[in-house]
Amino acid sequence: MTDSVPAASHVDVHAHYFSRSLPDLARRTGDDRWPRLDTDDGPVGRILLGQRLFRTVQPSLWDLPTRLAELDAAGIAVQVISPVPIMLTYWADAAPAGEFTRAINDSIAKEVAGSAGRLRGLGAVPLQDPDAAAAEAHRIGVELQLDGIEIGTNAAGRELDDPDLDPFWAAVADLDLAVFVHPLDGGGDAIRRRGQPFDFGLGMLTDTAIAATALINGGVLDRYPNLRVALAHGCGTFAFAFPRLRIGSQLTPTPEIAERYEDLTRRLWVDSLVLDPEHMRLLARRFGADHIMLGTDYPFMPGQLTSAPRLVADAVALGAFPADAARAVLSSNALTFLQAG
């Protein structure tokens, strides 16, 4: 397997970036929910919410030479960078959120431009203001020429099929931008328990499945048939819940959607970050092997740059999909999703 899928061609579609140049809106506004990156305390950095530590981070999150050296060591040819989810500040007023988002996107575009083709970028939009989100999507696609947009699983309580979000979806479809959906806040209110292991193990996966169900049952995929939407972490629990969701769709005001559930599901894309090769078999069945892409959540899950490709190889060994499909999972599927050539 290693010989048939050379590491030099690998494309990682799920990785994060946080610039040191973003404005400190917590200090300016007095609201300690605004994130900032502090890199003044030695070899590690800190993501802070006001003065509160959110998490300790490694230089690979913000330093391009460190990132590229680690990609070289792992044999990753191209990595798609997107904001850390805490940077998607949908809770904020639209004006400061728009300022923060523009700074995020400018920093990602600068990082991509300085990478000699090793990085591609997904920007962010102030999704709490759909018209402003549509305008920033235009700037992302036309001015900054990034490949797409990362969004959360909901926007300040609006689910992804909320009609108020249609200006954003229409702009994305018109601009032909890829969309990557990532869970927020450990799954938010998707489950009744908070903290660990519930947030990481269940909340984020359930939150993502709810978002996928909204896209299908809420008619977003029907209204915008050329959308390319990918969901993180293998679309969470959706693949396992699929049979019940299809039956449950017969009980909705649009029961005919149940007959198209498989086709609509195969419109979605997913990353490979499911941590078990047996799960890859189900991803291939639900979404198609041609809609699975290598994902590592770099740099937040140590070791995934090397273990994620091994998971794909293990899936081949289990018969989840053939070696030629694995080559596409590791490389060309992501480029097709991005339409990057």
Protein backbone atom coordinates (compact mmCIF):
# COMPACT_ATOMS: atom_id res chain seq x y z
CA MET A 1 0.00 0.00 0.00
CA THR A 2 2.78 2.41 0.88
CA ASP A 3 4.40 1.87 -2.51
CA SER A 4 1.13 2.34 -4.41
CA VAL A 5 0.21 5.61 -2.66
CA PRO A 6 3.33 7.77 -2.49
CA ALA A 7 3.33 10.15 0.47
CA ALA A 8 4.63 12.97 -1.71
CA SER A 9 1.17 13.28 -3.27
CA HIS A 10 -0.84 13.46 -0.05
CA VAL A 11 -3.29 16.36 0.40
CA ASP A 12 -4.55 17.13 3.91
CA VAL A 13 -7.90 18.93 3.75
CA HIS A 14 -8.41 19.50 7.51
CA ALA A 15 -5.80 21.67 9.23
CA HIS A 16 -5.92 24.90 11.21
CA TYR A 17 -4.04 28.20 11.38
CA PHE A 18 -4.02 31.14 13.80
CA SER A 19 -2.15 34.31 12.88
CA ARG A 20 -0.26 36.39 15.43
CA SER A 21 -1.37 39.55 13.63
CA LEU A 22 -5.11 39.48 14.44
CA PRO A 23 -6.58 42.45 16.33
CA ASP A 24 -7.01 42.10 20.10
CA LEU A 25 -10.72 42.77 20.25
CA ALA A 26 -10.99 41.48 23.82
CA ARG A 27 -8.84 44.38 25.01
CA ARG A 28 -10.62 46.89 22.81
CA THR A 29 -14.19 45.83 23.61
CA GLY A 30 -13.83 44.40 27.12
CA ASP A 31 -15.54 41.19 25.95
CA ASP A 32 -13.41 38.21 26.97
CA ARG A 33 -14.94 35.88 24.39
CA TRP A 34 -12.68 37.22 21.63
CA PRO A 35 -9.74 34.86 21.00
CA ARG A 36 -6.15 35.97 20.62
CA LEU A 37 -2.83 34.21 20.23
CA ASP A 38 -0.02 34.87 22.72
CA THR A 39 3.40 33.57 21.64
CA ASP A 40 5.59 35.43 24.16
CA ASP A 41 6.10 32.59 26.67
CA GLY A 42 8.84 30.48 25.14
CA PRO A 43 8.51 27.56 22.75
CA VAL A 44 4.73 27.18 23.00
CA GLY A 45 1.86 29.58 22.48
CA ARG A 46 -1.45 30.17 24.16
CA ILE A 47 -4.88 30.82 22.72
CA LEU A 48 -6.51 33.19 25.19
CA LEU A 49 -10.08 34.35 25.62
CA GLY A 50 -9.47 37.69 27.23
CA GLN A 51 -7.00 36.66 29.97
CA ARG A 52 -8.35 33.10 30.27
CA LEU A 53 -6.35 30.23 28.80
CA PHE A 54 -8.32 28.34 26.17
CA ARG A 55 -5.54 25.96 25.15
CA THR A 56 -1.78 25.68 24.81
CA VAL A 57 -0.59 25.37 21.19
CA GLN A 58 2.56 24.52 19.29
CA PRO A 59 4.44 26.87 16.91
CA SER A 60 3.22 24.85 13.93
CA LEU A 61 -0.15 26.59 14.42
CA TRP A 62 1.28 29.98 13.41
CA ASP A 63 4.84 29.53 12.13
CA LEU A 64 5.14 28.66 8.43
CA PRO A 65 8.68 27.18 8.44
CA THR A 66 7.77 24.90 11.35
CA ARG A 67 4.62 23.78 9.58
CA LEU A 68 6.37 23.10 6.29
CA ALA A 69 9.14 21.14 8.02
CA GLU A 70 6.56 18.91 9.68
CA LEU A 71 4.70 18.43 6.40
CA ASP A 72 7.97 17.49 4.72
CA ALA A 73 8.77 14.97 7.45
CA ALA A 74 5.33 13.37 7.04
CA GLY A 75 5.34 13.47 3.24
CA ILE A 76 2.32 15.77 2.95
CA ALA A 77 2.46 17.62 -0.38
CA VAL A 78 -0.36 20.11 0.16
CA GLN A 79 -2.30 21.17 3.25
CA VAL A 80 -5.55 23.13 3.33
CA ILE A 81 -5.54 25.58 6.25
CA SER A 82 -8.65 27.01 7.88
CA PRO A 83 -9.38 29.04 11.02
CA VAL A 84 -9.36 27.45 14.46
CA PRO A 85 -13.10 27.00 15.20
CA ILE A 86 -12.91 29.30 18.25
CA MET A 87 -12.18 32.07 15.72
CA LEU A 88 -15.67 31.71 14.20
CA THR A 89 -17.23 34.36 16.42
CA TYR A 90 -20.88 34.06 15.44
CA TRP A 91 -21.98 35.25 18.89
CA ALA A 92 -20.57 38.75 18.29
CA ASP A 93 -22.15 41.86 16.79
CA ALA A 94 -21.80 41.93 13.02
CA ALA A 95 -19.45 44.94 12.75
CA PRO A 96 -16.59 43.70 14.99
CA ALA A 97 -17.13 40.15 13.74
CA GLY A 98 -16.72 41.41 10.18
CA GLU A 99 -13.50 43.22 11.09
CA PHE A 100 -12.10 40.13 12.81
CA THR A 101 -13.13 37.88 9.93
CA ARG A 102 -11.48 40.10 7.33
CA ALA A 103 -8.26 40.04 9.33
CA ILE A 104 -8.44 36.23 9.53
CA ASN A 105 -8.90 35.95 5.79
CA ASP A 106 -6.11 38.38 4.97
CA SER A 107 -3.75 36.40 7.22
CA ILE A 108 -4.68 33.07 5.62
CA ALA A 109 -4.21 34.49 2.13
CA LYS A 110 -0.79 35.82 3.14
CA GLU A 111 0.23 32.44 4.59
CA VAL A 112 -0.90 30.63 1.45
CA ALA A 113 0.97 33.10 -0.78
CA GLY A 114 4.17 32.56 1.17
CA SER A 115 4.04 28.77 1.06
CA ALA A 116 5.31 28.21 -2.51
CA GLY A 117 2.21 26.18 -3.33
CA ARG A 118 2.30 23.94 -0.25
CA LEU A 119 -0.77 25.50 1.38
CA ARG A 120 -4.27 26.24 0.18
CA GLY A 121 -6.76 28.22 2.22
CA LEU A 122 -10.33 28.34 3.49
CA GLY A 123 -11.52 31.64 4.89
CA ALA A 124 -14.26 32.60 7.34
CA VAL A 125 -17.39 34.72 7.14
CA PRO A 126 -19.55 36.52 9.75
CA LEU A 127 -22.40 34.05 9.33
CA GLN A 128 -24.57 35.80 11.95
CA ASP A 129 -25.09 38.47 9.25
CA PRO A 130 -25.90 36.53 6.05
CA ASP A 131 -25.61 39.55 3.76
CA ALA A 132 -22.21 40.45 5.20
CA ALA A 133 -21.24 36.78 4.95
CA ALA A 134 -22.15 36.81 1.27
CA ALA A 135 -20.07 39.94 0.71
CA GLU A 136 -17.05 38.43 2.47
CA ALA A 137 -17.50 35.21 0.49
CA HIS A 138 -17.14 37.33 -2.65
CA ARG A 139 -13.94 38.89 -1.30
CA ILE A 140 -12.61 35.44 -0.36
CA GLY A 141 -13.21 34.05 -3.83
CA VAL A 142 -12.47 37.03 -6.06
CA GLU A 143 -9.98 39.25 -4.25
CA LEU A 144 -8.12 36.79 -2.02
CA GLN A 145 -8.61 33.83 -4.35
CA LEU A 146 -8.88 31.29 -1.56
CA ASP A 147 -10.48 27.94 -2.31
CA GLY A 148 -13.46 28.15 -0.01
CA ILE A 149 -14.87 28.84 3.42
CA GLU A 150 -14.96 27.11 6.78
CA ILE A 151 -18.23 27.53 8.67
CA GLY A 152 -19.61 26.18 11.93
CA THR A 153 -22.46 23.75 12.34
CA ASN A 154 -24.85 26.59 13.19
CA ALA A 155 -24.76 30.36 13.20
CA ALA A 156 -25.74 31.90 16.53
CA GLY A 157 -28.61 29.43 16.87
CA ARG A 158 -29.57 29.39 13.19
CA GLU A 159 -29.32 25.90 11.73
CA LEU A 160 -27.70 25.60 8.32
CA ASP A 161 -31.06 25.21 6.57
CA ASP A 162 -32.46 28.41 8.10
CA PRO A 163 -33.91 30.46 5.20
CA ASP A 164 -32.15 33.55 6.58
CA LEU A 165 -28.84 31.98 5.51
CA ASP A 166 -29.85 31.72 1.86
CA PRO A 167 -27.91 34.87 0.82
CA PHE A 168 -24.74 33.14 1.99
CA TRP A 169 -25.53 29.82 0.28
CA ALA A 170 -26.50 31.63 -2.93
CA ALA A 171 -23.21 33.56 -2.94
CA VAL A 172 -21.15 30.42 -2.31
CA ALA A 173 -22.94 28.59 -5.10
CA ASP A 174 -22.52 31.48 -7.50
CA LEU A 175 -18.81 31.83 -6.67
CA ASP A 176 -18.28 28.04 -6.85
CA LEU A 177 -16.51 28.00 -3.47
CA ALA A 178 -16.01 24.87 -1.40
CA VAL A 179 -17.48 24.85 2.13
CA PHE A 180 -16.01 22.94 5.07
CA VAL A 181 -18.32 22.48 8.08
CA HIS A 182 -16.67 22.12 11.50
CA PRO A 183 -18.36 21.61 14.89
CA LEU A 184 -18.27 24.45 17.41
CA ASP A 185 -17.89 24.68 21.16
CA GLY A 186 -17.46 20.96 21.78
CA GLY A 187 -20.81 20.26 20.19
CA GLY A 188 -22.68 23.06 21.94
CA ASP A 189 -26.14 21.93 22.94
CA ALA A 190 -26.15 18.81 20.76
CA ILE A 191 -25.92 16.54 23.82
CA ARG A 192 -27.03 16.90 27.43
CA ARG A 193 -23.58 16.35 29.04
CA ARG A 194 -20.68 18.81 28.82
CA GLY A 195 -16.97 18.39 29.47
CA GLN A 196 -14.79 15.44 28.56
CA PRO A 197 -15.06 12.81 27.24
CA PHE A 198 -18.55 13.91 26.20
CA ASP A 199 -17.64 16.99 24.14
CA PHE A 200 -14.83 15.39 22.13
CA GLY A 201 -16.29 11.89 21.98
CA LEU A 202 -19.98 12.61 21.37
CA GLY A 203 -20.83 16.29 21.22
CA MET A 204 -18.75 17.29 18.21
CA LEU A 205 -19.83 14.21 16.26
CA THR A 206 -23.53 14.68 17.03
CA ASP A 207 -23.36 18.39 16.21
CA THR A 208 -21.87 17.59 12.81
CA ALA A 209 -24.53 14.97 12.07
CA ILE A 210 -27.26 17.51 12.86
CA ALA A 211 -25.67 19.95 10.40
CA ALA A 212 -25.56 17.33 7.65
CA THR A 213 -29.20 16.41 8.28
CA ALA A 214 -30.17 20.08 8.01
CA LEU A 215 -28.43 20.37 4.65
CA ILE A 216 -30.33 17.33 3.33
CA ASN A 217 -33.74 17.57 4.98
CA GLY A 218 -33.82 21.35 4.99
CA GLY A 219 -33.50 21.51 1.21
CA VAL A 220 -30.16 23.36 0.99
CA LEU A 221 -28.69 20.77 -1.37
CA ASP A 222 -31.82 20.90 -3.52
CA ARG A 223 -31.88 24.70 -3.69
CA TYR A 224 -28.21 24.90 -4.64
CA PRO A 225 -27.41 21.78 -6.67
CA ASN A 226 -23.79 22.75 -7.41
CA LEU A 227 -22.76 23.19 -3.76
CA ARG A 228 -19.66 21.32 -2.59
CA VAL A 229 -19.92 20.86 1.17
CA ALA A 230 -17.60 18.74 3.31
CA LEU A 231 -18.11 17.86 6.96
CA ALA A 232 -15.32 17.27 9.46
CA HIS A 233 -14.59 14.06 11.35
CA GLY A 234 -16.24 11.83 8.78
CA CYS A 235 -19.54 13.72 9.21
CA GLY A 236 -19.69 12.61 12.84
CA THR A 237 -22.44 10.15 13.71
CA PHE A 238 -24.38 10.73 10.49
CA ALA A 239 -23.16 7.61 8.67
CA PHE A 240 -24.34 5.41 11.53
CA ALA A 241 -27.67 7.24 11.91
CA PHE A 242 -28.38 7.21 8.17
CA PRO A 243 -30.93 4.33 8.14
CA ARG A 244 -33.01 5.88 10.93
CA LEU A 245 -32.78 9.34 9.38
CA ARG A 246 -34.05 7.98 6.08
CA ILE A 247 -37.01 6.31 7.78
CA GLY A 248 -37.62 9.36 9.93
CA SER A 249 -37.75 11.50 6.80
CA GLN A 250 -40.94 9.65 5.82
CA LEU A 251 -42.60 11.30 8.84
CA THR A 252 -41.74 14.85 7.79
CA PRO A 253 -43.76 17.32 5.67
CA THR A 254 -41.60 16.23 2.70
CA PRO A 255 -41.70 12.42 2.96
CA GLU A 256 -40.60 12.01 -0.65
CA ILE A 257 -37.08 13.02 0.39
CA ALA A 258 -36.64 9.57 1.92
CA GLU A 259 -36.54 8.10 -1.59
CA ARG A 260 -33.61 10.36 -2.47
CA TYR A 261 -31.74 10.13 0.83
CA GLU A 262 -28.89 8.04 -0.50
CA ASP A 263 -28.36 10.28 -3.53
CA LEU A 264 -28.45 13.44 -1.42
CA THR A 265 -26.03 11.98 1.11
CA ARG A 266 -23.60 11.20 -1.70
CA ARG A 267 -23.63 14.91 -2.58
CA LEU A 268 -21.74 15.54 0.67
CA TRP A 269 -18.00 15.19 1.22
CA VAL A 270 -16.23 14.06 4.39
CA ASP A 271 -12.73 13.88 5.79
CA SER A 272 -11.14 10.61 6.89
CA LEU A 273 -10.64 11.55 10.55
CA VAL A 274 -12.64 8.69 12.11
CA LEU A 275 -9.72 6.94 13.87
CA ASP A 276 -10.86 3.40 13.01
CA PRO A 277 -10.44 1.72 9.61
CA GLU A 278 -13.73 -0.14 10.05
CA HIS A 279 -15.49 3.23 10.08
CA MET A 280 -13.91 4.01 6.73
CA ARG A 281 -15.84 1.13 5.22
CA LEU A 282 -19.11 2.77 6.27
CA LEU A 283 -18.00 6.19 5.01
CA ALA A 284 -17.35 4.64 1.60
CA ARG A 285 -20.79 3.03 1.59
CA ARG A 286 -22.65 6.20 2.61
CA PHE A 287 -20.74 8.95 0.79
CA GLY A 288 -18.73 7.06 -1.82
CA ALA A 289 -14.98 6.57 -1.65
CA ASP A 290 -14.63 9.41 -4.16
CA HIS A 291 -16.04 11.85 -1.56
CA ILE A 292 -13.63 10.94 1.25
CA MET A 293 -10.54 13.14 1.76
CA LEU A 294 -7.51 12.85 4.00
CA GLY A 295 -7.95 14.93 7.17
CA THR A 296 -5.67 15.32 10.19
CA ASP A 297 -7.00 18.23 12.31
CA TYR A 298 -3.37 19.41 12.36
CA PRO A 299 -1.84 20.53 14.64
CA PHE A 300 -4.36 19.66 17.34
CA MET A 301 -4.24 15.86 17.15
CA PRO A 302 -0.58 14.85 17.48
CA GLY A 303 0.62 12.12 15.17
CA GLN A 304 -2.20 12.35 12.67
CA LEU A 305 0.04 13.57 9.84
CA THR A 306 1.44 10.04 9.71
CA SER A 307 -1.31 7.94 11.31
CA ALA A 308 -4.15 9.31 9.12
CA PRO A 309 -2.59 7.97 5.90
CA ARG A 310 -1.94 4.65 7.67
CA LEU A 311 -5.64 4.49 8.54
CA VAL A 312 -6.45 4.68 4.83
CA ALA A 313 -3.99 1.86 4.15
CA ASP A 314 -5.59 -0.21 6.92
CA ALA A 315 -9.00 0.43 5.38
CA VAL A 316 -7.75 -1.02 2.09
CA ALA A 317 -6.45 -4.07 3.94
CA LEU A 318 -9.92 -4.56 5.45
CA GLY A 319 -11.55 -4.30 2.01
CA ALA A 320 -13.24 -0.96 2.61
CA PHE A 321 -12.19 0.21 -0.86
CA PRO A 322 -9.50 -0.74 -3.41
CA ALA A 323 -6.01 0.73 -3.63
CA ASP A 324 -6.86 3.04 -6.54
CA ALA A 325 -9.69 4.56 -4.47
CA ALA A 326 -7.25 5.00 -1.59
CA ARG A 327 -4.90 6.96 -3.83
CA ALA A 328 -7.75 9.34 -4.54
CA VAL A 329 -8.68 9.59 -0.84
CA LEU A 330 -5.09 10.58 -0.09
CA SER A 331 -4.75 13.10 -2.88
CA SER A 332 -7.00 13.85 -5.83
CA ASN A 333 -10.37 13.79 -4.04
CA ALA A 334 -9.39 16.90 -2.10
CA LEU A 335 -8.32 18.69 -5.26
CA THR A 336 -11.63 17.80 -6.90
CA PHE A 337 -13.48 19.12 -3.84
CA LEU A 338 -11.51 22.36 -4.00
CA GLN A 339 -11.60 22.34 -7.81
CA ALA A 340 -7.94 23.23 -7.58
CA GLY A 341 -6.82 21.28 -10.62
